[in-house]
PDB file of all heavy atoms in Angstrom:
ATOM      1  N   LEU A   1       0.830  -1.203   0.000  1.00  0.00           N
ATOM      2  CA  LEU A   1       0.000   0.000   0.000  1.00  0.00           C
ATOM      3  C   LEU A   1       0.862   1.251   0.000  1.00  0.00           C
ATOM      4  O   LEU A   1       0.556   2.242  -0.671  1.00  0.00           O
ATOM      5  CB  LEU A   1      -0.941  -0.007   1.216  1.00  0.00           C
ATOM      6  CG  LEU A   1      -2.069  -1.047   1.173  1.00  0.00           C
ATOM      7  CD1 LEU A   1      -2.786  -1.100   2.521  1.00  0.00           C
ATOM      8  CD2 LEU A   1      -3.061  -0.732   0.071  1.00  0.00           C
ATOM      9  N   PHE A   2       1.963   1.222   0.749  1.00  0.00           N
ATOM     10  CA  PHE A   2       2.853   2.378   0.783  1.00  0.00           C
ATOM     11  C   PHE A   2       3.523   2.610  -0.567  1.00  0.00           C
ATOM     12  O   PHE A   2       3.684   3.751  -1.020  1.00  0.00           O
ATOM     13  CB  PHE A   2       3.935   2.175   1.850  1.00  0.00           C
ATOM     14  CG  PHE A   2       4.956   3.287   1.896  1.00  0.00           C
ATOM     15  CD1 PHE A   2       4.671   4.473   2.554  1.00  0.00           C
ATOM     16  CD2 PHE A   2       6.183   3.146   1.270  1.00  0.00           C
ATOM     17  CE1 PHE A   2       5.606   5.505   2.590  1.00  0.00           C
ATOM     18  CE2 PHE A   2       7.121   4.163   1.298  1.00  0.00           C
ATOM     19  CZ  PHE A   2       6.834   5.344   1.960  1.00  0.00           C
ATOM     20  N   MET A   3       3.897   1.506  -1.248  1.00  0.00           N
ATOM     21  CA  MET A   3       4.661   1.629  -2.479  1.00  0.00           C
ATOM     22  C   MET A   3       3.827   2.065  -3.674  1.00  0.00           C
ATOM     23  O   MET A   3       4.215   2.958  -4.424  1.00  0.00           O
ATOM     24  CB  MET A   3       5.324   0.283  -2.812  1.00  0.00           C
ATOM     25  CG  MET A   3       6.605   0.026  -2.069  1.00  0.00           C
ATOM     26  SD  MET A   3       7.916   1.195  -2.493  1.00  0.00           S
ATOM     27  CE  MET A   3       8.117   0.869  -4.240  1.00  0.00           C
ATOM     28  N   TYR A   4       2.654   1.454  -3.865  1.00  0.00           N
ATOM     29  CA  TYR A   4       1.982   1.578  -5.153  1.00  0.00           C
ATOM     30  C   TYR A   4       0.691   2.391  -5.150  1.00  0.00           C
ATOM     31  O   TYR A   4       0.319   2.929  -6.182  1.00  0.00           O
ATOM     32  CB  TYR A   4       1.693   0.181  -5.722  1.00  0.00           C
ATOM     33  CG  TYR A   4       2.955  -0.525  -6.137  1.00  0.00           C
ATOM     34  CD1 TYR A   4       3.439  -1.609  -5.412  1.00  0.00           C
ATOM     35  CD2 TYR A   4       3.688  -0.108  -7.232  1.00  0.00           C
ATOM     36  CE1 TYR A   4       4.612  -2.261  -5.778  1.00  0.00           C
ATOM     37  CE2 TYR A   4       4.851  -0.745  -7.614  1.00  0.00           C
ATOM     38  CZ  TYR A   4       5.302  -1.817  -6.878  1.00  0.00           C
ATOM     39  OH  TYR A   4       6.463  -2.449  -7.237  1.00  0.00           O
ATOM     40  N   LEU A   5       0.004   2.479  -4.047  1.00  0.00           N
ATOM     41  CA  LEU A   5      -1.254   3.221  -4.056  1.00  0.00           C
ATOM     42  C   LEU A   5      -1.026   4.673  -3.643  1.00  0.00           C
ATOM     43  O   LEU A   5      -1.597   5.176  -2.688  1.00  0.00           O
ATOM     44  CB  LEU A   5      -2.284   2.529  -3.153  1.00  0.00           C
ATOM     45  CG  LEU A   5      -2.720   1.141  -3.613  1.00  0.00           C
ATOM     46  CD1 LEU A   5      -3.902   0.654  -2.795  1.00  0.00           C
ATOM     47  CD2 LEU A   5      -3.089   1.138  -5.093  1.00  0.00           C
ATOM     48  N   ARG A   6      -0.167   5.333  -4.384  1.00  0.00           N
ATOM     49  CA  ARG A   6       0.110   6.746  -4.178  1.00  0.00           C
ATOM     50  C   ARG A   6       0.140   7.436  -5.533  1.00  0.00           C
ATOM     51  O   ARG A   6       0.425   6.801  -6.548  1.00  0.00           O
ATOM     52  CB  ARG A   6       1.474   6.949  -3.509  1.00  0.00           C
ATOM     53  CG  ARG A   6       1.584   6.427  -2.104  1.00  0.00           C
ATOM     54  CD  ARG A   6       2.989   6.665  -1.591  1.00  0.00           C
ATOM     55  NE  ARG A   6       3.975   5.853  -2.288  1.00  0.00           N
ATOM     56  CZ  ARG A   6       5.276   6.140  -2.341  1.00  0.00           C
ATOM     57  NH1 ARG A   6       5.730   7.230  -1.766  1.00  0.00           N
ATOM     58  NH2 ARG A   6       6.105   5.344  -2.974  1.00  0.00           N
ATOM     59  N   PRO A   7      -0.128   8.743  -5.571  1.00  0.00           N
ATOM     60  CA  PRO A   7       0.025   9.474  -6.830  1.00  0.00           C
ATOM     61  C   PRO A   7       1.481   9.417  -7.286  1.00  0.00           C
ATOM     62  O   PRO A   7       2.401   9.444  -6.465  1.00  0.00           O
ATOM     63  CB  PRO A   7      -0.376  10.914  -6.464  1.00  0.00           C
ATOM     64  CG  PRO A   7      -1.190  10.775  -5.219  1.00  0.00           C
ATOM     65  CD  PRO A   7      -0.657   9.589  -4.487  1.00  0.00           C
ATOM     66  N   THR A   8       1.705   9.315  -8.595  1.00  0.00           N
ATOM     67  CA  THR A   8       3.069   9.210  -9.109  1.00  0.00           C
ATOM     68  C   THR A   8       3.913  10.433  -8.757  1.00  0.00           C
ATOM     69  O   THR A   8       5.137  10.339  -8.674  1.00  0.00           O
ATOM     70  CB  THR A   8       3.050   9.036 -10.638  1.00  0.00           C
ATOM     71  OG1 THR A   8       2.278  10.107 -11.223  1.00  0.00           O
ATOM     72  CG2 THR A   8       2.423   7.706 -11.020  1.00  0.00           C
ATOM     73  N   SER A   9       3.270  11.576  -8.527  1.00  0.00           N
ATOM     74  CA  SER A   9       4.012  12.799  -8.197  1.00  0.00           C
ATOM     75  C   SER A   9       4.684  12.717  -6.832  1.00  0.00           C
ATOM     76  O   SER A   9       5.612  13.466  -6.540  1.00  0.00           O
ATOM     77  CB  SER A   9       3.072  14.010  -8.223  1.00  0.00           C
ATOM     78  OG  SER A   9       2.005  13.831  -7.307  1.00  0.00           O
ATOM     79  N   SER A  10       4.224  11.796  -5.969  1.00  0.00           N
ATOM     80  CA  SER A  10       4.772  11.707  -4.619  1.00  0.00           C
ATOM     81  C   SER A  10       5.887  10.675  -4.494  1.00  0.00           C
ATOM     82  O   SER A  10       6.410  10.454  -3.411  1.00  0.00           O
ATOM     83  CB  SER A  10       3.655  11.355  -3.623  1.00  0.00           C
ATOM     84  OG  SER A  10       3.177  10.033  -3.843  1.00  0.00           O
ATOM     85  N   TYR A  11       6.288  10.051  -5.621  1.00  0.00           N
ATOM     86  CA  TYR A  11       7.319   9.024  -5.549  1.00  0.00           C
ATOM     87  C   TYR A  11       8.688   9.638  -5.293  1.00  0.00           C
ATOM     88  O   TYR A  11       9.069  10.642  -5.893  1.00  0.00           O
ATOM     89  CB  TYR A  11       7.370   8.216  -6.851  1.00  0.00           C
ATOM     90  CG  TYR A  11       6.339   7.129  -6.938  1.00  0.00           C
ATOM     91  CD1 TYR A  11       5.227   7.266  -7.769  1.00  0.00           C
ATOM     92  CD2 TYR A  11       6.462   5.968  -6.188  1.00  0.00           C
ATOM     93  CE1 TYR A  11       4.272   6.267  -7.854  1.00  0.00           C
ATOM     94  CE2 TYR A  11       5.508   4.965  -6.263  1.00  0.00           C
ATOM     95  CZ  TYR A  11       4.425   5.126  -7.095  1.00  0.00           C
ATOM     96  OH  TYR A  11       3.472   4.139  -7.159  1.00  0.00           O
ATOM     97  N   SER A  12       9.427   9.023  -4.403  1.00  0.00           N
ATOM     98  CA  SER A  12      10.825   9.356  -4.168  1.00  0.00           C
ATOM     99  C   SER A  12      11.617   8.089  -4.424  1.00  0.00           C
ATOM    100  O   SER A  12      11.487   7.112  -3.687  1.00  0.00           O
ATOM    101  CB  SER A  12      11.036   9.838  -2.728  1.00  0.00           C
ATOM    102  OG  SER A  12      12.413   9.866  -2.420  1.00  0.00           O
ATOM    103  N   MET A  13      12.439   8.083  -5.464  1.00  0.00           N
ATOM    104  CA  MET A  13      13.125   6.865  -5.872  1.00  0.00           C
ATOM    105  C   MET A  13      14.037   6.318  -4.781  1.00  0.00           C
ATOM    106  O   MET A  13      14.084   5.108  -4.544  1.00  0.00           O
ATOM    107  CB  MET A  13      13.941   7.121  -7.137  1.00  0.00           C
ATOM    108  CG  MET A  13      13.111   7.081  -8.389  1.00  0.00           C
ATOM    109  SD  MET A  13      12.361   5.466  -8.638  1.00  0.00           S
ATOM    110  CE  MET A  13      10.769   5.959  -9.237  1.00  0.00           C
ATOM    111  N   GLU A  14      14.775   7.192  -4.124  1.00  0.00           N
ATOM    112  CA  GLU A  14      15.711   6.723  -3.103  1.00  0.00           C
ATOM    113  C   GLU A  14      14.963   6.085  -1.935  1.00  0.00           C
ATOM    114  O   GLU A  14      15.385   5.054  -1.400  1.00  0.00           O
ATOM    115  CB  GLU A  14      16.581   7.894  -2.605  1.00  0.00           C
ATOM    116  CG  GLU A  14      17.451   8.520  -3.684  1.00  0.00           C
ATOM    117  CD  GLU A  14      18.301   7.493  -4.425  1.00  0.00           C
ATOM    118  OE1 GLU A  14      18.900   6.622  -3.757  1.00  0.00           O
ATOM    119  OE2 GLU A  14      18.356   7.553  -5.667  1.00  0.00           O
ATOM    120  N   GLN A  15      13.857   6.694  -1.529  1.00  0.00           N
ATOM    121  CA  GLN A  15      13.055   6.136  -0.446  1.00  0.00           C
ATOM    122  C   GLN A  15      12.395   4.837  -0.876  1.00  0.00           C
ATOM    123  O   GLN A  15      12.380   3.847  -0.127  1.00  0.00           O
ATOM    124  CB  GLN A  15      11.988   7.151  -0.023  1.00  0.00           C
ATOM    125  CG  GLN A  15      11.122   6.698   1.155  1.00  0.00           C
ATOM    126  CD  GLN A  15      10.004   7.679   1.440  1.00  0.00           C
ATOM    127  OE1 GLN A  15       9.229   8.037   0.553  1.00  0.00           O
ATOM    128  NE2 GLN A  15       9.920   8.135   2.681  1.00  0.00           N
ATOM    129  N   ASP A  16      11.872   4.800  -2.090  1.00  0.00           N
ATOM    130  CA  ASP A  16      11.166   3.618  -2.575  1.00  0.00           C
ATOM    131  C   ASP A  16      12.102   2.434  -2.769  1.00  0.00           C
ATOM    132  O   ASP A  16      11.687   1.281  -2.609  1.00  0.00           O
ATOM    133  CB  ASP A  16      10.445   3.937  -3.886  1.00  0.00           C
ATOM    134  CG  ASP A  16       9.235   4.826  -3.669  1.00  0.00           C
ATOM    135  OD1 ASP A  16       8.910   5.090  -2.505  1.00  0.00           O
ATOM    136  OD2 ASP A  16       8.624   5.255  -4.666  1.00  0.00           O
ATOM    137  N   LYS A  17      13.365   2.692  -3.128  1.00  0.00           N
ATOM    138  CA  LYS A  17      14.310   1.594  -3.284  1.00  0.00           C
ATOM    139  C   LYS A  17      14.532   0.880  -1.955  1.00  0.00           C
ATOM    140  O   LYS A  17      14.624  -0.351  -1.920  1.00  0.00           O
ATOM    141  CB  LYS A  17      15.638   2.105  -3.853  1.00  0.00           C
ATOM    142  CG  LYS A  17      15.592   2.390  -5.334  1.00  0.00           C
ATOM    143  CD  LYS A  17      16.977   2.598  -5.918  1.00  0.00           C
ATOM    144  CE  LYS A  17      17.587   3.925  -5.524  1.00  0.00           C
ATOM    145  NZ  LYS A  17      18.875   4.165  -6.215  1.00  0.00           N
ATOM    146  N   ILE A  18      14.604   1.644  -0.877  1.00  0.00           N
ATOM    147  CA  ILE A  18      14.797   1.032   0.447  1.00  0.00           C
ATOM    148  C   ILE A  18      13.574   0.212   0.827  1.00  0.00           C
ATOM    149  O   ILE A  18      13.684  -0.917   1.309  1.00  0.00           O
ATOM    150  CB  ILE A  18      15.057   2.124   1.501  1.00  0.00           C
ATOM    151  CG1 ILE A  18      16.288   2.964   1.123  1.00  0.00           C
ATOM    152  CG2 ILE A  18      15.259   1.480   2.874  1.00  0.00           C
ATOM    153  CD1 ILE A  18      17.560   2.183   0.992  1.00  0.00           C
ATOM    154  N   VAL A  19      12.379   0.775   0.591  1.00  0.00           N
ATOM    155  CA  VAL A  19      11.145   0.052   0.917  1.00  0.00           C
ATOM    156  C   VAL A  19      11.004  -1.194   0.039  1.00  0.00           C
ATOM    157  O   VAL A  19      10.515  -2.232   0.492  1.00  0.00           O
ATOM    158  CB  VAL A  19       9.921   0.978   0.748  1.00  0.00           C
ATOM    159  CG1 VAL A  19       8.633   0.221   1.046  1.00  0.00           C
ATOM    160  CG2 VAL A  19      10.031   2.184   1.680  1.00  0.00           C
ATOM    161  N   SER A  20      11.460  -1.096  -1.213  1.00  0.00           N
ATOM    162  CA  SER A  20      11.369  -2.241  -2.122  1.00  0.00           C
ATOM    163  C   SER A  20      12.152  -3.439  -1.601  1.00  0.00           C
ATOM    164  O   SER A  20      11.772  -4.592  -1.842  1.00  0.00           O
ATOM    165  CB  SER A  20      11.890  -1.862  -3.510  1.00  0.00           C
ATOM    166  OG  SER A  20      11.080  -0.885  -4.105  1.00  0.00           O
ATOM    167  N   VAL A  21      13.248  -3.171  -0.896  1.00  0.00           N
ATOM    168  CA  VAL A  21      14.048  -4.261  -0.337  1.00  0.00           C
ATOM    169  C   VAL A  21      13.207  -5.094   0.622  1.00  0.00           C
ATOM    170  O   VAL A  21      13.361  -6.313   0.704  1.00  0.00           O
ATOM    171  CB  VAL A  21      15.294  -3.703   0.389  1.00  0.00           C
ATOM    172  CG1 VAL A  21      16.031  -4.806   1.146  1.00  0.00           C
ATOM    173  CG2 VAL A  21      16.232  -3.053  -0.613  1.00  0.00           C
ATOM    174  N   VAL A  22      12.267  -4.432   1.336  1.00  0.00           N
ATOM    175  CA  VAL A  22      11.458  -5.138   2.326  1.00  0.00           C
ATOM    176  C   VAL A  22      10.631  -6.226   1.666  1.00  0.00           C
ATOM    177  O   VAL A  22      10.624  -7.387   2.104  1.00  0.00           O
ATOM    178  CB  VAL A  22      10.549  -4.152   3.090  1.00  0.00           C
ATOM    179  CG1 VAL A  22       9.630  -4.905   4.041  1.00  0.00           C
ATOM    180  CG2 VAL A  22      11.385  -3.137   3.851  1.00  0.00           C
ATOM    181  N   TYR A  23       9.911  -5.890   0.574  1.00  0.00           N
ATOM    182  CA  TYR A  23       9.016  -6.900   0.011  1.00  0.00           C
ATOM    183  C   TYR A  23       9.647  -7.746  -1.085  1.00  0.00           C
ATOM    184  O   TYR A  23       9.110  -8.797  -1.446  1.00  0.00           O
ATOM    185  CB  TYR A  23       7.698  -6.289  -0.476  1.00  0.00           C
ATOM    186  CG  TYR A  23       7.763  -5.374  -1.662  1.00  0.00           C
ATOM    187  CD1 TYR A  23       7.727  -5.873  -2.951  1.00  0.00           C
ATOM    188  CD2 TYR A  23       7.811  -4.001  -1.496  1.00  0.00           C
ATOM    189  CE1 TYR A  23       7.767  -5.037  -4.047  1.00  0.00           C
ATOM    190  CE2 TYR A  23       7.845  -3.153  -2.588  1.00  0.00           C
ATOM    191  CZ  TYR A  23       7.825  -3.680  -3.861  1.00  0.00           C
ATOM    192  OH  TYR A  23       7.863  -2.832  -4.942  1.00  0.00           O
ATOM    193  N   THR A  24      10.815  -7.335  -1.621  1.00  0.00           N
ATOM    194  CA  THR A  24      11.478  -8.182  -2.607  1.00  0.00           C
ATOM    195  C   THR A  24      12.466  -9.153  -1.972  1.00  0.00           C
ATOM    196  O   THR A  24      12.687 -10.250  -2.493  1.00  0.00           O
ATOM    197  CB  THR A  24      12.235  -7.339  -3.644  1.00  0.00           C
ATOM    198  OG1 THR A  24      13.186  -6.503  -2.967  1.00  0.00           O
ATOM    199  CG2 THR A  24      11.288  -6.474  -4.451  1.00  0.00           C
ATOM    200  N   VAL A  25      13.068  -8.758  -0.856  1.00  0.00           N
ATOM    201  CA  VAL A  25      14.133  -9.552  -0.242  1.00  0.00           C
ATOM    202  C   VAL A  25      13.759 -10.072   1.141  1.00  0.00           C
ATOM    203  O   VAL A  25      13.946 -11.250   1.449  1.00  0.00           O
ATOM    204  CB  VAL A  25      15.442  -8.727  -0.157  1.00  0.00           C
ATOM    205  CG1 VAL A  25      16.560  -9.553   0.473  1.00  0.00           C
ATOM    206  CG2 VAL A  25      15.864  -8.231  -1.534  1.00  0.00           C
ATOM    207  N   VAL A  26      13.199  -9.186   1.979  1.00  0.00           N
ATOM    208  CA  VAL A  26      12.996  -9.530   3.393  1.00  0.00           C
ATOM    209  C   VAL A  26      11.723 -10.349   3.617  1.00  0.00           C
ATOM    210  O   VAL A  26      11.754 -11.381   4.303  1.00  0.00           O
ATOM    211  CB  VAL A  26      12.969  -8.250   4.262  1.00  0.00           C
ATOM    212  CG1 VAL A  26      12.718  -8.610   5.725  1.00  0.00           C
ATOM    213  CG2 VAL A  26      14.281  -7.494   4.126  1.00  0.00           C
ATOM    214  N   ILE A  27      10.578  -9.914   3.064  1.00  0.00           N
ATOM    215  CA  ILE A  27       9.306 -10.601   3.317  1.00  0.00           C
ATOM    216  C   ILE A  27       9.331 -12.068   2.883  1.00  0.00           C
ATOM    217  O   ILE A  27       8.855 -12.935   3.631  1.00  0.00           O
ATOM    218  CB  ILE A  27       8.135  -9.848   2.646  1.00  0.00           C
ATOM    219  CG1 ILE A  27       7.852  -8.551   3.401  1.00  0.00           C
ATOM    220  CG2 ILE A  27       6.873 -10.713   2.623  1.00  0.00           C
ATOM    221  CD1 ILE A  27       6.730  -7.712   2.819  1.00  0.00           C
ATOM    222  N   PRO A  28       9.893 -12.413   1.704  1.00  0.00           N
ATOM    223  CA  PRO A  28       9.945 -13.838   1.357  1.00  0.00           C
ATOM    224  C   PRO A  28      10.728 -14.682   2.356  1.00  0.00           C
ATOM    225  O   PRO A  28      10.477 -15.872   2.499  1.00  0.00           O
ATOM    226  CB  PRO A  28      10.643 -13.833  -0.009  1.00  0.00           C
ATOM    227  CG  PRO A  28      10.344 -12.494  -0.582  1.00  0.00           C
ATOM    228  CD  PRO A  28      10.351 -11.562   0.595  1.00  0.00           C
ATOM    229  N   MET A  29      11.698 -14.060   3.054  1.00  0.00           N
ATOM    230  CA  MET A  29      12.437 -14.778   4.089  1.00  0.00           C
ATOM    231  C   MET A  29      11.624 -14.889   5.372  1.00  0.00           C
ATOM    232  O   MET A  29      11.684 -15.903   6.087  1.00  0.00           O
ATOM    233  CB  MET A  29      13.759 -14.066   4.386  1.00  0.00           C
ATOM    234  CG  MET A  29      14.581 -14.704   5.494  1.00  0.00           C
ATOM    235  SD  MET A  29      15.922 -13.664   6.106  1.00  0.00           S
ATOM    236  CE  MET A  29      15.002 -12.344   6.919  1.00  0.00           C
ATOM    237  N   LEU A  30      10.835 -13.858   5.682  1.00  0.00           N
ATOM    238  CA  LEU A  30      10.101 -13.812   6.950  1.00  0.00           C
ATOM    239  C   LEU A  30       8.925 -14.773   6.999  1.00  0.00           C
ATOM    240  O   LEU A  30       8.628 -15.334   8.060  1.00  0.00           O
ATOM    241  CB  LEU A  30       9.601 -12.389   7.212  1.00  0.00           C
ATOM    242  CG  LEU A  30      10.638 -11.338   7.597  1.00  0.00           C
ATOM    243  CD1 LEU A  30       9.960  -9.991   7.817  1.00  0.00           C
ATOM    244  CD2 LEU A  30      11.402 -11.754   8.848  1.00  0.00           C
ATOM    245  N   ASN A  31       8.233 -14.963   5.868  1.00  0.00           N
ATOM    246  CA  ASN A  31       7.011 -15.778   5.890  1.00  0.00           C
ATOM    247  C   ASN A  31       7.208 -17.188   6.438  1.00  0.00           C
ATOM    248  O   ASN A  31       6.445 -17.626   7.300  1.00  0.00           O
ATOM    249  CB  ASN A  31       6.377 -15.815   4.499  1.00  0.00           C
ATOM    250  CG  ASN A  31       5.556 -14.564   4.213  1.00  0.00           C
ATOM    251  OD1 ASN A  31       5.184 -13.828   5.132  1.00  0.00           O
ATOM    252  ND2 ASN A  31       5.256 -14.324   2.961  1.00  0.00           N
ATOM    253  N   PRO A  32       8.215 -17.953   5.974  1.00  0.00           N
ATOM    254  CA  PRO A  32       8.392 -19.280   6.582  1.00  0.00           C
ATOM    255  C   PRO A  32       8.761 -19.217   8.055  1.00  0.00           C
ATOM    256  O   PRO A  32       8.379 -20.107   8.829  1.00  0.00           O
ATOM    257  CB  PRO A  32       9.521 -19.917   5.743  1.00  0.00           C
ATOM    258  CG  PRO A  32      10.181 -18.800   5.032  1.00  0.00           C
ATOM    259  CD  PRO A  32       9.132 -17.754   4.843  1.00  0.00           C
ATOM    260  N   LEU A  33       9.479 -18.171   8.462  1.00  0.00           N
ATOM    261  CA  LEU A  33       9.804 -18.006   9.886  1.00  0.00           C
ATOM    262  C   LEU A  33       8.545 -17.737  10.694  1.00  0.00           C
ATOM    263  O   LEU A  33       8.349 -18.310  11.775  1.00  0.00           O
ATOM    264  CB  LEU A  33      10.806 -16.860  10.073  1.00  0.00           C
ATOM    265  CG  LEU A  33      12.230 -17.094   9.584  1.00  0.00           C
ATOM    266  CD1 LEU A  33      13.052 -15.826   9.734  1.00  0.00           C
ATOM    267  CD2 LEU A  33      12.881 -18.240  10.349  1.00  0.00           C
ATOM    268  N   ILE A  34       7.693 -16.871  10.168  1.00  0.00           N
ATOM    269  CA  ILE A  34       6.447 -16.538  10.872  1.00  0.00           C
ATOM    270  C   ILE A  34       5.578 -17.772  11.044  1.00  0.00           C
ATOM    271  O   ILE A  34       5.072 -18.050  12.136  1.00  0.00           O
ATOM    272  CB  ILE A  34       5.674 -15.439  10.102  1.00  0.00           C
ATOM    273  CG1 ILE A  34       6.425 -14.107  10.163  1.00  0.00           C
ATOM    274  CG2 ILE A  34       4.263 -15.281  10.658  1.00  0.00           C
ATOM    275  CD1 ILE A  34       5.851 -13.037   9.255  1.00  0.00           C
ATOM    276  N   TYR A  35       5.434 -18.544   9.970  1.00  0.00           N
ATOM    277  CA  TYR A  35       4.547 -19.710  10.025  1.00  0.00           C
ATOM    278  C   TYR A  35       5.151 -20.874  10.798  1.00  0.00           C
ATOM    279  O   TYR A  35       4.430 -21.725  11.308  1.00  0.00           O
ATOM    280  CB  TYR A  35       4.171 -20.151   8.609  1.00  0.00           C
ATOM    281  CG  TYR A  35       3.055 -19.328   8.025  1.00  0.00           C
ATOM    282  CD1 TYR A  35       3.319 -18.263   7.175  1.00  0.00           C
ATOM    283  CD2 TYR A  35       1.732 -19.583   8.347  1.00  0.00           C
ATOM    284  CE1 TYR A  35       2.304 -17.486   6.642  1.00  0.00           C
ATOM    285  CE2 TYR A  35       0.703 -18.812   7.826  1.00  0.00           C
ATOM    286  CZ  TYR A  35       0.993 -17.770   6.975  1.00  0.00           C
ATOM    287  OH  TYR A  35      -0.030 -16.993   6.463  1.00  0.00           O
ATOM    288  N   SER A  36       6.477 -20.929  10.898  1.00  0.00           N
ATOM    289  CA  SER A  36       7.088 -22.017  11.659  1.00  0.00           C
ATOM    290  C   SER A  36       7.152 -21.697  13.148  1.00  0.00           C
ATOM    291  O   SER A  36       6.946 -22.574  13.995  1.00  0.00           O
ATOM    292  CB  SER A  36       8.491 -22.320  11.128  1.00  0.00           C
ATOM    293  OG  SER A  36       9.329 -21.183  11.220  1.00  0.00           O
ATOM    294  N   LEU A  37       7.405 -20.425  13.481  1.00  0.00           N
ATOM    295  CA  LEU A  37       7.521 -20.046  14.886  1.00  0.00           C
ATOM    296  C   LEU A  37       6.162 -19.888  15.564  1.00  0.00           C
ATOM    297  O   LEU A  37       6.037 -20.092  16.774  1.00  0.00           O
ATOM    298  CB  LEU A  37       8.314 -18.736  15.014  1.00  0.00           C
ATOM    299  CG  LEU A  37       9.780 -18.790  14.583  1.00  0.00           C
ATOM    300  CD1 LEU A  37      10.403 -17.402  14.656  1.00  0.00           C
ATOM    301  CD2 LEU A  37      10.571 -19.773  15.444  1.00  0.00           C
ATOM    302  N   LYS A  38       5.149 -19.524  14.797  1.00  0.00           N
ATOM    303  CA  LYS A  38       3.827 -19.265  15.364  1.00  0.00           C
ATOM    304  C   LYS A  38       2.858 -20.434  15.199  1.00  0.00           C
ATOM    305  O   LYS A  38       1.735 -20.371  15.698  1.00  0.00           O
ATOM    306  CB  LYS A  38       3.212 -18.027  14.694  1.00  0.00           C
ATOM    307  CG  LYS A  38       3.884 -16.712  15.054  1.00  0.00           C
ATOM    308  CD  LYS A  38       3.440 -16.238  16.421  1.00  0.00           C
ATOM    309  CE  LYS A  38       3.993 -14.855  16.724  1.00  0.00           C
ATOM    310  NZ  LYS A  38       3.566 -14.405  18.067  1.00  0.00           N
TER     311      LYS A  38
END
């Protein structure tokens, strides 16, 4: 929701690159941990 449901005029590439790391790299790692630990 933070990344894509915003007007294009409000995009900041440097900020979005950092946020992109969360769902491209971090979230796929977290899901099996979440489901195994919980």
